[in-house]
N, C-alpha and C. Protein backbone atom coordinates (compact mmCIF):
# COMPACT_ATOMS: atom_id res chain seq x y z
N MET A 1 37.76 -68.78 53.46
CA MET A 1 37.42 -67.69 53.49
C MET A 1 37.63 -67.80 51.44
N THR A 2 36.44 -66.84 51.28
CA THR A 2 36.49 -67.17 49.55
C THR A 2 37.15 -65.36 49.42
N ALA A 3 37.57 -65.16 48.21
CA ALA A 3 37.39 -63.31 48.21
C ALA A 3 36.61 -63.53 47.22
N PRO A 4 35.69 -61.87 48.02
CA PRO A 4 35.03 -61.34 47.08
C PRO A 4 34.87 -61.08 45.29
N THR A 5 33.81 -61.47 44.70
CA THR A 5 33.89 -61.50 42.95
C THR A 5 33.29 -59.82 42.63
N PRO A 6 33.89 -59.35 41.07
CA PRO A 6 33.28 -58.32 41.04
C PRO A 6 31.77 -58.94 40.25
N GLU A 7 30.80 -58.15 40.84
CA GLU A 7 29.50 -58.46 40.42
C GLU A 7 29.43 -58.45 38.82
N ARG A 8 28.29 -58.84 37.80
CA ARG A 8 28.32 -59.53 36.55
C ARG A 8 27.81 -58.18 35.86
N PRO A 9 28.52 -57.64 34.62
CA PRO A 9 27.64 -56.31 34.14
C PRO A 9 26.64 -56.91 33.74
N SER A 10 25.58 -56.43 33.99
CA SER A 10 24.64 -56.34 32.95
C SER A 10 24.45 -57.02 31.53
N GLU A 11 23.34 -57.58 30.98
CA GLU A 11 23.29 -57.11 29.66
C GLU A 11 23.39 -56.07 28.84
N ALA A 12 22.78 -55.14 29.44
CA ALA A 12 22.23 -53.79 28.68
C ALA A 12 24.24 -53.00 28.84
N ASP A 13 24.75 -53.20 29.85
CA ASP A 13 26.25 -53.12 30.18
C ASP A 13 27.16 -53.32 29.29
N LEU A 14 27.12 -54.44 28.70
CA LEU A 14 27.97 -55.48 28.03
C LEU A 14 27.55 -55.19 26.81
N LEU A 15 26.22 -54.50 26.47
CA LEU A 15 26.16 -54.02 25.36
C LEU A 15 26.59 -52.71 24.55
N GLU A 16 26.69 -52.66 25.79
CA GLU A 16 26.46 -51.36 25.60
C GLU A 16 28.61 -51.05 25.39
N TYR A 17 29.20 -51.35 25.84
CA TYR A 17 30.42 -51.58 25.74
C TYR A 17 31.13 -51.93 24.32
N MET A 18 29.97 -53.35 23.58
CA MET A 18 30.62 -53.24 22.47
C MET A 18 30.43 -52.44 21.32
N LEU A 19 29.75 -52.01 22.14
CA LEU A 19 29.15 -50.57 20.89
C LEU A 19 30.19 -49.41 20.74
N VAL A 20 30.94 -49.70 22.03
CA VAL A 20 31.73 -48.58 21.94
C VAL A 20 33.22 -48.84 21.18
N LEU A 21 33.46 -50.35 22.01
CA LEU A 21 34.75 -51.03 20.86
C LEU A 21 34.58 -51.13 19.60
N ARG A 22 33.13 -50.87 19.01
CA ARG A 22 32.86 -51.08 17.15
C ARG A 22 33.06 -49.83 17.13
N GLU A 23 32.92 -48.41 17.53
CA GLU A 23 32.96 -47.49 17.48
C GLU A 23 34.94 -47.11 17.52
N HIS A 24 35.43 -47.21 18.43
CA HIS A 24 37.19 -47.68 18.51
C HIS A 24 37.79 -47.92 17.26
N GLU A 25 36.75 -49.13 16.46
CA GLU A 25 37.20 -50.05 15.73
C GLU A 25 37.30 -49.00 14.46
N VAL A 26 35.55 -48.63 14.10
CA VAL A 26 35.39 -47.59 12.70
C VAL A 26 36.60 -46.50 12.75
N GLY A 27 36.97 -46.04 14.42
CA GLY A 27 37.19 -44.86 14.13
C GLY A 27 39.27 -45.28 13.84
N GLY A 28 39.52 -46.50 13.49
CA GLY A 28 40.78 -47.54 13.40
C GLY A 28 41.61 -47.64 14.51
N ALA A 29 40.89 -47.89 15.53
CA ALA A 29 41.81 -48.66 16.86
C ALA A 29 42.05 -49.76 16.26
N ARG A 30 43.73 -50.20 16.29
CA ARG A 30 43.96 -51.44 15.75
C ARG A 30 45.05 -52.15 17.31
N GLN A 31 45.47 -53.53 17.04
CA GLN A 31 45.75 -54.09 17.94
C GLN A 31 46.40 -54.80 16.92
N GLU A 32 48.55 -55.08 17.42
CA GLU A 32 49.21 -56.26 16.62
C GLU A 32 48.82 -57.05 17.20
N VAL A 33 48.71 -58.37 16.77
CA VAL A 33 48.68 -59.64 17.05
C VAL A 33 49.88 -59.90 16.10
N VAL A 34 50.88 -61.17 17.17
CA VAL A 34 52.05 -61.52 16.68
C VAL A 34 51.39 -63.24 17.08
N ILE A 35 51.44 -64.07 15.62
CA ILE A 35 51.50 -65.62 15.79
C ILE A 35 52.08 -66.31 15.40
N GLY A 36 51.96 -67.40 14.99
CA GLY A 36 53.30 -67.88 13.82
C GLY A 36 51.69 -68.85 13.04
N PRO A 37 52.68 -69.66 12.25
CA PRO A 37 51.70 -70.28 11.40
C PRO A 37 50.97 -71.40 11.91
N TYR A 38 51.22 -71.98 12.48
CA TYR A 38 50.26 -73.12 13.09
C TYR A 38 49.27 -72.85 14.03
N THR A 39 49.21 -71.99 14.77
CA THR A 39 48.40 -70.72 15.36
C THR A 39 47.64 -69.81 14.51
N ALA A 40 48.54 -70.20 13.40
CA ALA A 40 47.33 -69.11 12.58
C ALA A 40 45.65 -69.91 11.97
N MET A 41 46.74 -71.22 11.01
CA MET A 41 45.70 -72.25 11.01
C MET A 41 44.71 -72.99 11.75
N LEU A 42 45.29 -72.45 13.03
CA LEU A 42 44.41 -73.34 13.97
C LEU A 42 43.19 -71.90 14.44
N LEU A 43 43.57 -71.02 13.99
CA LEU A 43 42.23 -69.83 14.39
C LEU A 43 41.75 -70.03 13.27
N ILE A 44 42.45 -70.09 12.04
CA ILE A 44 41.51 -70.38 10.54
C ILE A 44 40.20 -71.21 11.10
N GLY A 45 41.02 -71.94 11.41
CA GLY A 45 40.06 -73.53 11.56
C GLY A 45 38.77 -73.00 12.60
N ALA A 46 38.98 -72.55 13.76
CA ALA A 46 38.18 -71.90 14.79
C ALA A 46 36.99 -70.94 14.15
N LEU A 47 37.52 -69.99 13.74
CA LEU A 47 36.23 -68.75 12.85
C LEU A 47 35.74 -69.67 12.16
N GLN A 48 36.03 -70.64 11.41
CA GLN A 48 35.13 -71.06 10.04
C GLN A 48 34.33 -72.24 10.80
N LEU A 49 34.77 -72.70 11.67
CA LEU A 49 33.75 -73.22 12.33
C LEU A 49 32.27 -72.57 12.89
N ALA A 50 33.16 -71.62 13.53
CA ALA A 50 32.01 -70.14 14.29
C ALA A 50 31.52 -70.02 13.49
N THR A 51 31.81 -70.03 12.32
CA THR A 51 30.51 -68.93 11.34
C THR A 51 29.54 -70.00 10.96
N ARG A 52 29.56 -71.23 11.24
CA ARG A 52 29.02 -72.09 10.57
C ARG A 52 27.50 -72.00 11.85
N HIS A 53 27.90 -71.42 12.71
CA HIS A 53 26.84 -71.77 14.20
C HIS A 53 25.52 -70.51 13.35
N PRO A 54 24.28 -71.71 13.40
CA PRO A 54 23.21 -71.74 12.85
C PRO A 54 22.82 -69.91 13.52
N SER A 55 23.03 -69.73 15.07
CA SER A 55 22.60 -68.22 15.28
C SER A 55 23.55 -67.21 14.81
N MET A 56 24.32 -67.07 14.22
CA MET A 56 25.41 -66.12 13.72
C MET A 56 25.01 -65.55 13.04
N PRO A 57 25.40 -64.42 13.25
CA PRO A 57 24.58 -63.04 12.39
C PRO A 57 25.51 -63.19 10.98
N ASP A 58 24.91 -62.53 10.21
CA ASP A 58 25.43 -62.41 8.56
C ASP A 58 26.19 -61.71 8.21
N GLN A 59 26.22 -60.35 9.56
CA GLN A 59 27.36 -59.41 9.10
C GLN A 59 28.72 -59.66 10.17
N THR A 60 28.19 -60.90 11.27
CA THR A 60 29.67 -60.97 11.77
C THR A 60 30.17 -62.00 11.45
N ARG A 61 29.32 -62.95 10.52
CA ARG A 61 30.08 -64.07 9.49
C ARG A 61 30.95 -63.14 8.46
N ALA A 62 30.43 -62.10 7.69
CA ALA A 62 31.32 -61.14 6.84
C ALA A 62 32.42 -60.77 7.74
N GLN A 63 32.36 -60.62 8.90
CA GLN A 63 33.84 -59.54 9.54
C GLN A 63 34.85 -61.17 9.62
N LEU A 64 34.24 -62.33 10.40
CA LEU A 64 35.43 -62.72 10.81
C LEU A 64 35.66 -64.14 9.08
N GLY A 65 35.15 -64.12 7.97
CA GLY A 65 35.53 -64.19 7.22
C GLY A 65 36.61 -63.49 6.31
N ALA A 66 36.32 -61.81 6.53
CA ALA A 66 37.74 -60.66 6.16
C ALA A 66 38.44 -61.19 7.75
N VAL A 67 38.66 -61.65 8.20
CA VAL A 67 39.99 -61.99 9.45
C VAL A 67 40.81 -63.39 8.54
N ILE A 68 39.73 -64.36 8.10
CA ILE A 68 40.45 -65.49 7.86
C ILE A 68 41.01 -64.65 6.53
N ASP A 69 40.33 -64.15 5.22
CA ASP A 69 40.99 -63.82 4.45
C ASP A 69 42.56 -63.01 4.88
N GLN A 70 42.79 -62.32 5.61
CA GLN A 70 44.06 -61.84 5.66
C GLN A 70 45.04 -62.29 5.90
N PHE A 71 44.46 -63.86 6.37
CA PHE A 71 46.02 -65.30 6.39
C PHE A 71 45.81 -65.56 4.91
N ARG A 72 45.51 -65.29 4.35
CA ARG A 72 45.42 -66.09 3.08
C ARG A 72 46.57 -66.11 2.21
N PRO A 73 46.94 -64.64 2.21
CA PRO A 73 48.77 -64.61 1.13
C PRO A 73 49.38 -65.34 1.87
N TRP A 74 49.34 -65.81 3.19
CA TRP A 74 50.36 -66.14 4.10
C TRP A 74 50.85 -67.72 3.23
N PHE A 75 49.58 -67.94 3.13
CA PHE A 75 49.48 -69.27 2.71
C PHE A 75 49.40 -69.80 1.14
N ALA A 76 49.65 -68.73 0.59
CA ALA A 76 49.18 -68.83 -1.02
C ALA A 76 50.32 -69.73 -1.49
N GLY A 77 49.48 -70.72 -2.64
CA GLY A 77 50.69 -70.92 -3.54
C GLY A 77 50.98 -72.58 -2.34
N THR A 78 50.66 -73.02 -1.24
CA THR A 78 50.77 -74.25 -0.42
C THR A 78 49.68 -74.69 0.20
N PRO A 79 50.22 -76.05 0.27
CA PRO A 79 48.99 -77.04 1.32
C PRO A 79 48.02 -76.20 1.89
N GLY A 80 48.35 -75.14 2.61
CA GLY A 80 47.82 -74.58 3.38
C GLY A 80 46.15 -73.91 3.21
N GLU A 81 46.54 -73.11 2.02
CA GLU A 81 45.71 -72.76 1.06
C GLU A 81 44.48 -74.30 0.99
N THR A 82 45.22 -75.05 0.22
CA THR A 82 44.05 -76.17 0.37
C THR A 82 43.25 -76.38 1.94
N ILE A 83 43.81 -76.52 2.67
CA ILE A 83 43.56 -76.89 4.35
C ILE A 83 42.31 -75.32 4.35
N ILE A 84 42.55 -74.63 4.26
CA ILE A 84 41.76 -73.30 4.12
C ILE A 84 40.51 -73.55 3.27
N ASP A 85 40.77 -73.81 2.16
CA ASP A 85 39.57 -74.17 1.46
C ASP A 85 38.61 -75.43 1.70
N MET A 86 39.24 -76.36 2.63
CA MET A 86 38.83 -77.20 3.27
C MET A 86 38.17 -77.16 4.28
N GLY A 87 38.63 -76.23 5.31
CA GLY A 87 37.87 -75.69 6.19
C GLY A 87 36.44 -74.82 5.54
N ASN A 88 35.84 -74.08 4.61
CA ASN A 88 34.96 -73.57 4.39
C ASN A 88 33.85 -74.89 3.96
N ASP A 89 34.21 -75.86 3.42
CA ASP A 89 33.50 -76.72 3.29
C ASP A 89 33.00 -77.38 4.70
N PRO A 90 31.92 -77.20 4.96
CA PRO A 90 31.22 -77.91 5.94
C PRO A 90 30.84 -79.72 6.13
N GLU A 91 30.82 -80.44 4.65
CA GLU A 91 30.67 -81.51 4.22
C GLU A 91 32.10 -82.12 5.35
N LEU A 92 32.99 -81.64 5.64
CA LEU A 92 34.34 -81.87 6.33
C LEU A 92 34.19 -81.92 7.42
N ASP A 93 33.56 -81.26 8.11
CA ASP A 93 33.44 -81.17 9.45
C ASP A 93 33.12 -82.77 10.25
N ARG A 94 34.03 -82.82 11.27
CA ARG A 94 34.08 -84.06 11.99
C ARG A 94 33.83 -83.97 13.01
């Protein structure tokens, strides 16, 4: 016997939901996220890689870049700053 699964929302419902989330964000809604420096570096790398996906819209790419930039002060003047800069270079992708 399997448990019933909820019906998957339609694409229109998902888009509507995302627009509501955007409205909340523009209105100032925020959620604090607490992570350590190692996890921050992993997150930065994942975001940098995602921003190079060919179908990534420019606006989304810019928003993700702004998230990455929020971490920069934490690593300023350390080898972490170099790692972040290297992560922006697609030539170094492996």
